[in-house]
Amino acid sequence: MAGGTLLLGLLSVPPIPWLLQKWMVLLHFIGRINTKILLAIVFFGVLTPIAWMYRFFHKSPKKEDSSFVQREHTFDASDFERTF
């Protein structure tokens, strides 16, 4: 049966070119929509719950002191010579 279908497909007349082009335009449009839907499902259905669980179970301790260092320096022309 598969061989008969293959033979019929090989010997059949090629599809009408304008119909084939319209079909491909439709399939391109459907493909663009499907990718956006699938990516949204993966993001909101898989990645978002994983991020919520990570935040819930891995609470970081609050830091009281900062690593910022206050620097009291007035720049002059010599600071811009040989910068590297």
Protein backbone atom coordinates (compact mmCIF):
# COMPACT_ATOMS: atom_id res chain seq x y z
CA MET A 1 0.00 0.00 0.00
CA ALA A 2 2.82 2.42 0.86
CA GLY A 3 4.58 1.60 -2.41
CA GLY A 4 1.41 2.31 -4.36
CA THR A 5 0.99 5.66 -2.63
CA LEU A 6 4.63 6.51 -3.36
CA LEU A 7 4.24 5.57 -7.02
CA LEU A 8 1.04 7.58 -7.30
CA GLY A 9 2.75 10.58 -5.74
CA LEU A 10 5.73 10.36 -8.07
CA LEU A 11 3.60 10.04 -11.20
CA SER A 12 0.93 12.61 -10.35
CA VAL A 13 0.70 16.05 -11.89
CA PRO A 14 2.44 18.79 -9.85
CA PRO A 15 0.06 21.07 -7.94
CA ILE A 16 -1.13 24.30 -9.46
CA PRO A 17 1.63 26.90 -8.82
CA TRP A 18 -0.68 29.68 -7.62
CA LEU A 19 -2.43 27.28 -5.23
CA LEU A 20 0.91 26.13 -3.89
CA GLN A 21 2.04 29.72 -3.32
CA LYS A 22 -1.20 30.62 -1.48
CA TRP A 23 -0.85 27.47 0.62
CA MET A 24 2.73 28.37 1.58
CA VAL A 25 1.69 31.93 2.54
CA LEU A 26 -1.03 30.49 4.78
CA LEU A 27 1.39 28.02 6.35
CA HIS A 28 3.96 30.77 6.97
CA PHE A 29 1.30 32.85 8.77
CA ILE A 30 0.18 29.88 10.87
CA GLY A 31 3.80 29.05 11.72
CA ARG A 32 4.47 32.57 12.98
CA ILE A 33 1.42 32.45 15.23
CA ASN A 34 2.21 28.95 16.52
CA THR A 35 5.75 29.88 17.57
CA LYS A 36 4.50 32.82 19.61
CA ILE A 37 1.86 30.68 21.29
CA LEU A 38 4.31 27.88 22.08
CA LEU A 39 6.92 30.29 23.45
CA ALA A 40 4.30 31.97 25.65
CA ILE A 41 3.16 28.59 26.99
CA VAL A 42 6.74 27.57 27.78
CA PHE A 43 7.51 30.90 29.44
CA PHE A 44 4.39 31.22 31.57
CA GLY A 45 3.81 27.51 32.12
CA VAL A 46 7.36 26.35 32.85
CA LEU A 47 9.85 29.14 33.48
CA THR A 48 7.67 31.42 35.61
CA PRO A 49 6.74 28.73 38.18
CA ILE A 50 10.39 27.65 38.39
CA ALA A 51 11.41 31.26 39.11
CA TRP A 52 8.70 31.57 41.78
CA MET A 53 9.81 28.37 43.48
CA TYR A 54 13.46 29.48 43.38
CA ARG A 55 12.60 32.82 44.98
CA PHE A 56 10.48 31.10 47.63
CA PHE A 57 13.09 28.53 48.67
CA HIS A 58 16.26 30.62 48.21
CA LYS A 59 15.73 33.74 50.19
CA SER A 60 18.89 35.79 50.32
CA PRO A 61 19.89 37.39 53.61
CA LYS A 62 19.56 41.12 53.64
CA LYS A 63 22.81 43.02 53.58
CA GLU A 64 23.04 45.88 55.99
CA ASP A 65 26.26 47.35 54.68
CA SER A 66 26.99 48.26 51.11
CA SER A 67 30.09 47.73 49.04
CA PHE A 68 29.85 51.32 47.78
CA VAL A 69 32.87 53.41 48.75
CA GLN A 70 32.47 57.15 48.99
CA ARG A 71 35.39 58.79 47.23
CA GLU A 72 36.27 62.41 47.82
CA HIS A 73 38.43 63.22 44.84
CA THR A 74 38.60 66.27 42.63
CA PHE A 75 39.69 65.45 39.10
CA ASP A 76 42.36 67.53 37.41
CA ALA A 77 44.19 67.32 34.07
CA SER A 78 46.80 64.84 35.30
CA ASP A 79 44.08 62.25 35.99
CA PHE A 80 43.29 62.05 32.28
CA GLU A 81 46.87 61.49 31.12
CA ARG A 82 47.84 57.86 30.54
CA THR A 83 44.43 56.50 31.38
CA PHE A 84 45.39 52.96 30.42
